[in-house]
Protein backbone atom coordinates (compact mmCIF):
# COMPACT_ATOMS: atom_id res chain seq x y z
CA UNK A 1 155.22 104.15 -40.49
CA UNK A 2 154.79 101.38 -37.91
CA UNK A 3 151.45 100.39 -36.44
CA UNK A 4 150.73 97.96 -33.60
CA UNK A 5 147.86 95.48 -34.07
CA UNK A 6 146.51 92.70 -31.86
CA UNK A 7 145.42 89.57 -33.72
CA UNK A 8 144.15 86.15 -32.70
CA UNK A 9 146.27 83.11 -33.58
CA UNK A 10 144.28 80.81 -35.91
CA UNK A 11 145.78 77.76 -34.14
CA UNK A 12 145.83 78.38 -30.38
CA UNK A 13 143.40 81.32 -30.21
CA UNK A 14 145.71 83.51 -28.12
CA UNK A 15 145.75 87.27 -28.68
CA UNK A 16 149.18 88.37 -29.90
CA UNK A 17 150.59 91.80 -30.79
CA UNK A 18 152.11 92.40 -34.24
CA UNK A 19 154.10 95.40 -35.46
CA UNK A 20 153.06 96.33 -39.02
CA UNK A 21 155.18 98.37 -41.47
CA UNK A 22 152.63 100.38 -43.46
CA UNK A 23 155.30 102.14 -45.57
CA UNK A 24 156.06 98.95 -47.54
CA UNK A 25 152.62 98.70 -49.21
CA UNK A 26 150.63 95.47 -49.54
CA UNK A 27 152.46 92.49 -48.07
CA UNK A 28 152.05 88.77 -47.48
CA UNK A 29 154.49 87.05 -45.16
CA UNK A 30 154.74 84.21 -42.64
CA UNK A 31 155.64 84.55 -38.96
CA UNK A 32 155.48 81.97 -36.20
CA UNK A 33 152.97 82.49 -33.38
CA UNK A 34 154.74 83.83 -30.29
CA UNK A 35 152.71 81.42 -28.12
CA UNK A 36 152.38 78.08 -29.98
CA UNK A 37 155.17 78.58 -32.59
CA UNK A 38 153.01 77.50 -35.57
CA UNK A 39 153.34 79.41 -38.87
CA UNK A 40 150.77 82.15 -39.49
CA UNK A 41 150.24 83.81 -42.88
CA UNK A 42 149.83 87.57 -42.59
CA UNK A 43 148.11 89.40 -45.45
CA UNK A 44 148.40 93.18 -45.00
CA UNK A 45 146.48 95.43 -47.38
CA UNK A 46 147.42 99.12 -47.07
CA UNK A 47 147.57 102.38 -48.93
CA UNK A 48 150.06 103.79 -46.40
CA UNK A 49 147.36 105.29 -44.15
CA UNK A 50 144.41 102.91 -43.93
CA UNK A 51 145.07 99.19 -43.58
CA UNK A 52 143.47 95.79 -43.08
CA UNK A 53 145.25 92.75 -41.65
CA UNK A 54 144.12 89.19 -42.37
CA UNK A 55 145.72 86.22 -40.59
CA UNK A 56 145.27 82.55 -41.41
CA UNK A 57 146.90 79.21 -40.84
CA UNK A 58 149.56 78.10 -43.31
CA UNK A 59 147.34 75.42 -44.89
CA UNK A 60 144.05 77.37 -44.91
């Protein structure tokens, strides 16, 4: 199950859209910001239906 979520980049502050895969369970991964290209750590907590997304800078 894929879910779209808008988040704010912790570096440049721009709103960016992310596509989340809720079927894979809890995840932590790094993706570069689509605007400023700096690495963002995504922490997705999910039970497959409900979910919470936390984003932070790589060194935070």
